[in-house]
Amino acid sequence: MGNFGNRKDSPGFWLSFFLLLGAAAGTRFCNWPDSGWKEALRDAGSGMVTAAMLLKLDFMGLFFTVLRKRLGEAFCLILFSMTPAAPFLFMGTAAYLGFSTAVTVSALTMGSGLSGIFRYLALVLPQAVPYMAVFYVTAWWMEEEKKKMTAPAALALVLAAVLGAAAESFVNPWITAWITG
């Protein structure tokens, strides 16, 4: 891994910097609008899956829908990493992730206070671990090491995306129903 975490010119440093920059922008965005907008954001945070909805949910259909979307996103990450603009595309994606995370956390905390942060973590941790691994490893490996995509590396990325989609489809709805209980 070389200098991944210990130098300011490493991709990990810049991805984390833009992730935090996006989170700061998202936090600022959520605190800027008038009260009507804040109420709509608070209501959006409370409209989640209920336990009754779980009985009607087609988990396999949800899994294949999520998997198709996540594999497409992983493919786009691989394509990003092959372009000369890869560092800018990954930094922009990190800023977007930070912004959307801050907006979601703000929506959850407006309705339930500080416990909204813990609700958010419980909602995203099952699937965020493999997804962020795909994002950071792809950005680091392709840019820092100048390596080409090999079959084992592509298989590892696909397996991480499948694991994330499985967590998002089979675990997350139950966590969401439990939290919104």
C-alpha atoms as a PDB file:
ATOM      1  CA  MET A   1       0.000   0.000   0.000  1.00  0.00           C
ATOM      2  CA  GLY A   2       2.984   2.264   0.254  1.00  0.00           C
ATOM      3  CA  ASN A   3       1.960   5.796   1.039  1.00  0.00           C
ATOM      4  CA  PHE A   4      -1.814   5.328   1.061  1.00  0.00           C
ATOM      5  CA  GLY A   5      -2.412   6.754   4.506  1.00  0.00           C
ATOM      6  CA  ASN A   6       0.654   8.725   5.427  1.00  0.00           C
ATOM      7  CA  ARG A   7       1.199  11.371   2.760  1.00  0.00           C
ATOM      8  CA  LYS A   8      -0.853  14.316   1.655  1.00  0.00           C
ATOM      9  CA  ASP A   9      -0.437  13.364  -1.999  1.00  0.00           C
ATOM     10  CA  SER A  10      -1.993   9.937  -1.486  1.00  0.00           C
ATOM     11  CA  PRO A  11      -5.409   9.175  -2.991  1.00  0.00           C
ATOM     12  CA  GLY A  12      -6.746   8.086   0.409  1.00  0.00           C
ATOM     13  CA  PHE A  13      -6.024  11.507   1.875  1.00  0.00           C
ATOM     14  CA  TRP A  14      -7.732  13.357  -0.983  1.00  0.00           C
ATOM     15  CA  LEU A  15     -10.735  11.023  -1.114  1.00  0.00           C
ATOM     16  CA  SER A  16     -11.241  11.471   2.618  1.00  0.00           C
ATOM     17  CA  PHE A  17     -10.741  15.236   2.321  1.00  0.00           C
ATOM     18  CA  PHE A  18     -13.409  15.549  -0.384  1.00  0.00           C
ATOM     19  CA  LEU A  19     -15.721  13.217   1.529  1.00  0.00           C
ATOM     20  CA  LEU A  20     -15.487  15.540   4.540  1.00  0.00           C
ATOM     21  CA  LEU A  21     -15.803  18.615   2.320  1.00  0.00           C
ATOM     22  CA  GLY A  22     -19.014  17.184   0.844  1.00  0.00           C
ATOM     23  CA  ALA A  23     -20.288  16.389   4.336  1.00  0.00           C
ATOM     24  CA  ALA A  24     -19.625  19.979   5.437  1.00  0.00           C
ATOM     25  CA  ALA A  25     -21.421  21.307   2.352  1.00  0.00           C
ATOM     26  CA  GLY A  26     -24.379  18.985   2.984  1.00  0.00           C
ATOM     27  CA  THR A  27     -24.581  20.067   6.609  1.00  0.00           C
ATOM     28  CA  ARG A  28     -24.482  23.715   5.574  1.00  0.00           C
ATOM     29  CA  PHE A  29     -27.146  23.054   2.931  1.00  0.00           C
ATOM     30  CA  CYS A  30     -29.505  21.481   5.482  1.00  0.00           C
ATOM     31  CA  ASN A  31     -29.096  24.349   7.934  1.00  0.00           C
ATOM     32  CA  TRP A  32     -29.567  27.079   5.356  1.00  0.00           C
ATOM     33  CA  PRO A  33     -33.169  26.750   4.078  1.00  0.00           C
ATOM     34  CA  ASP A  34     -36.267  28.183   5.678  1.00  0.00           C
ATOM     35  CA  SER A  35     -38.404  26.296   8.183  1.00  0.00           C
ATOM     36  CA  GLY A  36     -40.807  24.838   5.572  1.00  0.00           C
ATOM     37  CA  TRP A  37     -37.944  23.097   3.832  1.00  0.00           C
ATOM     38  CA  LYS A  38     -36.615  21.817   7.160  1.00  0.00           C
ATOM     39  CA  GLU A  39     -40.027  20.322   7.984  1.00  0.00           C
ATOM     40  CA  ALA A  40     -40.101  18.523   4.628  1.00  0.00           C
ATOM     41  CA  LEU A  41     -36.606  17.187   5.300  1.00  0.00           C
ATOM     42  CA  ARG A  42     -37.652  16.026   8.782  1.00  0.00           C
ATOM     43  CA  ASP A  43     -40.708  14.244   7.323  1.00  0.00           C
ATOM     44  CA  ALA A  44     -38.501  12.526   4.733  1.00  0.00           C
ATOM     45  CA  GLY A  45     -36.397  11.083   7.537  1.00  0.00           C
ATOM     46  CA  SER A  46     -39.412   9.554   9.233  1.00  0.00           C
ATOM     47  CA  GLY A  47     -40.925   7.846   6.150  1.00  0.00           C
ATOM     48  CA  MET A  48     -39.116   4.504   6.244  1.00  0.00           C
ATOM     49  CA  VAL A  49     -39.915   0.815   5.996  1.00  0.00           C
ATOM     50  CA  THR A  50     -42.271  -0.502   8.653  1.00  0.00           C
ATOM     51  CA  ALA A  51     -42.469  -4.038  10.013  1.00  0.00           C
ATOM     52  CA  ALA A  52     -45.783  -4.576   8.200  1.00  0.00           C
ATOM     53  CA  MET A  53     -44.160  -3.724   4.870  1.00  0.00           C
ATOM     54  CA  LEU A  54     -41.539  -6.453   5.406  1.00  0.00           C
ATOM     55  CA  LEU A  55     -44.185  -9.159   5.133  1.00  0.00           C
ATOM     56  CA  LYS A  56     -44.985  -8.040   1.586  1.00  0.00           C
ATOM     57  CA  LEU A  57     -41.389  -7.439   0.465  1.00  0.00           C
ATOM     58  CA  ASP A  58     -39.945  -9.629  -2.307  1.00  0.00           C
ATOM     59  CA  PHE A  59     -36.384  -9.974  -1.001  1.00  0.00           C
ATOM     60  CA  MET A  60     -35.020 -11.841  -4.043  1.00  0.00           C
ATOM     61  CA  GLY A  61     -36.506  -9.299  -6.424  1.00  0.00           C
ATOM     62  CA  LEU A  62     -35.070  -6.501  -4.296  1.00  0.00           C
ATOM     63  CA  PHE A  63     -31.678  -8.241  -4.251  1.00  0.00           C
ATOM     64  CA  PHE A  64     -31.476  -8.561  -8.033  1.00  0.00           C
ATOM     65  CA  THR A  65     -32.634  -4.975  -8.544  1.00  0.00           C
ATOM     66  CA  VAL A  66     -30.048  -3.658  -6.080  1.00  0.00           C
ATOM     67  CA  LEU A  67     -27.341  -5.950  -7.460  1.00  0.00           C
ATOM     68  CA  ARG A  68     -27.947  -4.767 -11.017  1.00  0.00           C
ATOM     69  CA  LYS A  69     -27.673  -1.144  -9.901  1.00  0.00           C
ATOM     70  CA  ARG A  70     -24.553  -1.701  -7.756  1.00  0.00           C
ATOM     71  CA  LEU A  71     -22.745  -3.713 -10.432  1.00  0.00           C
ATOM     72  CA  GLY A  72     -23.422  -0.863 -12.850  1.00  0.00           C
ATOM     73  CA  GLU A  73     -21.967   1.591 -10.354  1.00  0.00           C
ATOM     74  CA  ALA A  74     -18.915  -0.638  -9.792  1.00  0.00           C
ATOM     75  CA  PHE A  75     -18.447  -0.841 -13.559  1.00  0.00           C
ATOM     76  CA  CYS A  76     -18.576   2.967 -13.737  1.00  0.00           C
ATOM     77  CA  LEU A  77     -15.921   3.174 -11.013  1.00  0.00           C
ATOM     78  CA  ILE A  78     -13.696   0.871 -13.027  1.00  0.00           C
ATOM     79  CA  LEU A  79     -14.273   2.990 -16.128  1.00  0.00           C
ATOM     80  CA  PHE A  80     -13.548   6.156 -14.093  1.00  0.00           C
ATOM     81  CA  SER A  81     -10.262   4.694 -12.984  1.00  0.00           C
ATOM     82  CA  MET A  82      -9.145   4.107 -16.577  1.00  0.00           C
ATOM     83  CA  THR A  83      -9.461   7.718 -17.637  1.00  0.00           C
ATOM     84  CA  PRO A  84      -6.921  10.517 -17.230  1.00  0.00           C
ATOM     85  CA  ALA A  85      -9.553  12.393 -15.211  1.00  0.00           C
ATOM     86  CA  ALA A  86      -9.782   9.573 -12.644  1.00  0.00           C
ATOM     87  CA  PRO A  87      -8.554  11.603  -9.649  1.00  0.00           C
ATOM     88  CA  PHE A  88     -11.095  14.364 -10.325  1.00  0.00           C
ATOM     89  CA  LEU A  89     -13.940  11.898 -10.916  1.00  0.00           C
ATOM     90  CA  PHE A  90     -13.189  10.005  -7.707  1.00  0.00           C
ATOM     91  CA  MET A  91     -12.858  13.221  -5.700  1.00  0.00           C
ATOM     92  CA  GLY A  92     -16.148  14.496  -7.101  1.00  0.00           C
ATOM     93  CA  THR A  93     -17.818  11.192  -6.264  1.00  0.00           C
ATOM     94  CA  ALA A  94     -16.405  11.350  -2.719  1.00  0.00           C
ATOM     95  CA  ALA A  95     -17.754  14.902  -2.323  1.00  0.00           C
ATOM     96  CA  TYR A  96     -21.179  13.726  -3.540  1.00  0.00           C
ATOM     97  CA  LEU A  97     -21.149  10.818  -1.068  1.00  0.00           C
ATOM     98  CA  GLY A  98     -20.278  13.185   1.765  1.00  0.00           C
ATOM     99  CA  PHE A  99     -22.988  15.659   0.746  1.00  0.00           C
ATOM    100  CA  SER A 100     -25.724  13.014   0.464  1.00  0.00           C
ATOM    101  CA  THR A 101     -24.657  11.456   3.765  1.00  0.00           C
ATOM    102  CA  ALA A 102     -24.882  14.807   5.534  1.00  0.00           C
ATOM    103  CA  VAL A 103     -28.334  15.477   4.087  1.00  0.00           C
ATOM    104  CA  THR A 104     -29.570  12.039   5.169  1.00  0.00           C
ATOM    105  CA  VAL A 105     -28.132  12.388   8.660  1.00  0.00           C
ATOM    106  CA  SER A 106     -29.697  15.842   8.930  1.00  0.00           C
ATOM    107  CA  ALA A 107     -33.087  14.424   7.934  1.00  0.00           C
ATOM    108  CA  LEU A 108     -32.806  11.717  10.578  1.00  0.00           C
ATOM    109  CA  THR A 109     -31.537  14.019  13.339  1.00  0.00           C
ATOM    110  CA  MET A 110     -34.230  16.634  12.709  1.00  0.00           C
ATOM    111  CA  GLY A 111     -36.864  14.059  13.579  1.00  0.00           C
ATOM    112  CA  SER A 112     -35.141  12.247  16.431  1.00  0.00           C
ATOM    113  CA  GLY A 113     -32.260  14.370  17.665  1.00  0.00           C
ATOM    114  CA  LEU A 114     -28.826  12.954  18.319  1.00  0.00           C
ATOM    115  CA  SER A 115     -30.086   9.385  18.099  1.00  0.00           C
ATOM    116  CA  GLY A 116     -30.555  10.040  14.363  1.00  0.00           C
ATOM    117  CA  ILE A 117     -26.807   9.681  13.904  1.00  0.00           C
ATOM    118  CA  PHE A 118     -26.923   6.203  15.422  1.00  0.00           C
ATOM    119  CA  ARG A 119     -29.978   5.365  13.343  1.00  0.00           C
ATOM    120  CA  TYR A 120     -28.080   6.396  10.226  1.00  0.00           C
ATOM    121  CA  LEU A 121     -25.066   4.269  11.151  1.00  0.00           C
ATOM    122  CA  ALA A 122     -27.278   1.242  11.786  1.00  0.00           C
ATOM    123  CA  LEU A 123     -28.979   1.786   8.434  1.00  0.00           C
ATOM    124  CA  VAL A 124     -25.831   2.035   6.318  1.00  0.00           C
ATOM    125  CA  LEU A 125     -23.131   0.003   8.057  1.00  0.00           C
ATOM    126  CA  PRO A 126     -24.132  -3.428   6.763  1.00  0.00           C
ATOM    127  CA  GLN A 127     -23.738  -2.402   3.135  1.00  0.00           C
ATOM    128  CA  ALA A 128     -21.387   0.566   3.455  1.00  0.00           C
ATOM    129  CA  VAL A 129     -18.389  -1.552   4.436  1.00  0.00           C
ATOM    130  CA  PRO A 130     -18.118  -3.494   1.142  1.00  0.00           C
ATOM    131  CA  TYR A 131     -19.204  -0.517  -0.959  1.00  0.00           C
ATOM    132  CA  MET A 132     -16.634   1.846   0.536  1.00  0.00           C
ATOM    133  CA  ALA A 133     -14.020  -0.888   0.185  1.00  0.00           C
ATOM    134  CA  VAL A 134     -14.804  -1.119  -3.536  1.00  0.00           C
ATOM    135  CA  PHE A 135     -14.636   2.674  -3.850  1.00  0.00           C
ATOM    136  CA  TYR A 136     -11.394   3.236  -1.942  1.00  0.00           C
ATOM    137  CA  VAL A 137      -9.579   0.164  -3.264  1.00  0.00           C
ATOM    138  CA  THR A 138     -10.506   0.939  -6.865  1.00  0.00           C
ATOM    139  CA  ALA A 139      -9.419   4.554  -6.498  1.00  0.00           C
ATOM    140  CA  TRP A 140      -6.162   3.627  -4.773  1.00  0.00           C
ATOM    141  CA  TRP A 141      -5.238   0.598  -6.799  1.00  0.00           C
ATOM    142  CA  MET A 142      -5.859   2.013 -10.247  1.00  0.00           C
ATOM    143  CA  GLU A 143      -4.427   5.473  -9.652  1.00  0.00           C
ATOM    144  CA  GLU A 144      -1.649   4.894  -7.123  1.00  0.00           C
ATOM    145  CA  GLU A 145      -0.325   1.593  -8.383  1.00  0.00           C
ATOM    146  CA  LYS A 146      -1.127   2.157 -12.084  1.00  0.00           C
ATOM    147  CA  LYS A 147      -2.345  -1.414 -12.291  1.00  0.00           C
ATOM    148  CA  LYS A 148      -4.654  -2.801 -14.900  1.00  0.00           C
ATOM    149  CA  MET A 149      -7.836  -4.604 -14.004  1.00  0.00           C
ATOM    150  CA  THR A 150      -7.153  -8.326 -13.842  1.00  0.00           C
ATOM    151  CA  ALA A 151      -9.684 -11.135 -13.632  1.00  0.00           C
ATOM    152  CA  PRO A 152      -9.036 -11.837  -9.910  1.00  0.00           C
ATOM    153  CA  ALA A 153      -9.282  -8.143  -9.058  1.00  0.00           C
ATOM    154  CA  ALA A 154     -12.508  -7.775 -11.038  1.00  0.00           C
ATOM    155  CA  LEU A 155     -13.901 -10.878  -9.326  1.00  0.00           C
ATOM    156  CA  ALA A 156     -13.036  -9.424  -5.902  1.00  0.00           C
ATOM    157  CA  LEU A 157     -14.829  -6.168  -6.768  1.00  0.00           C
ATOM    158  CA  VAL A 158     -17.872  -8.049  -8.066  1.00  0.00           C
ATOM    159  CA  LEU A 159     -17.978 -10.218  -4.933  1.00  0.00           C
ATOM    160  CA  ALA A 160     -17.780  -7.112  -2.723  1.00  0.00           C
ATOM    161  CA  ALA A 161     -20.651  -5.565  -4.703  1.00  0.00           C
ATOM    162  CA  VAL A 162     -22.687  -8.792  -4.324  1.00  0.00           C
ATOM    163  CA  LEU A 163     -21.986  -8.831  -0.580  1.00  0.00           C
ATOM    164  CA  GLY A 164     -23.076  -5.184  -0.295  1.00  0.00           C
ATOM    165  CA  ALA A 165     -26.226  -5.826  -2.335  1.00  0.00           C
ATOM    166  CA  ALA A 166     -27.064  -8.838  -0.155  1.00  0.00           C
ATOM    167  CA  ALA A 167     -26.644  -6.755   2.998  1.00  0.00           C
ATOM    168  CA  GLU A 168     -28.702  -3.961   1.491  1.00  0.00           C
ATOM    169  CA  SER A 169     -31.500  -6.317   0.402  1.00  0.00           C
ATOM    170  CA  PHE A 170     -31.691  -8.926   3.151  1.00  0.00           C
ATOM    171  CA  VAL A 171     -30.320  -7.209   6.280  1.00  0.00           C
ATOM    172  CA  ASN A 172     -31.106  -3.520   5.851  1.00  0.00           C
ATOM    173  CA  PRO A 173     -34.926  -3.800   5.588  1.00  0.00           C
ATOM    174  CA  TRP A 174     -35.048  -5.616   8.946  1.00  0.00           C
ATOM    175  CA  ILE A 175     -32.767  -3.053  10.574  1.00  0.00           C
ATOM    176  CA  THR A 176     -34.869  -0.243   9.119  1.00  0.00           C
ATOM    177  CA  ALA A 177     -38.097  -1.772  10.420  1.00  0.00           C
ATOM    178  CA  TRP A 178     -36.529  -2.359  13.834  1.00  0.00           C
ATOM    179  CA  ILE A 179     -35.246   1.220  14.084  1.00  0.00           C
ATOM    180  CA  THR A 180     -38.497   2.793  12.929  1.00  0.00           C
ATOM    181  CA  GLY A 181     -40.360   0.184  15.008  1.00  0.00           C
END
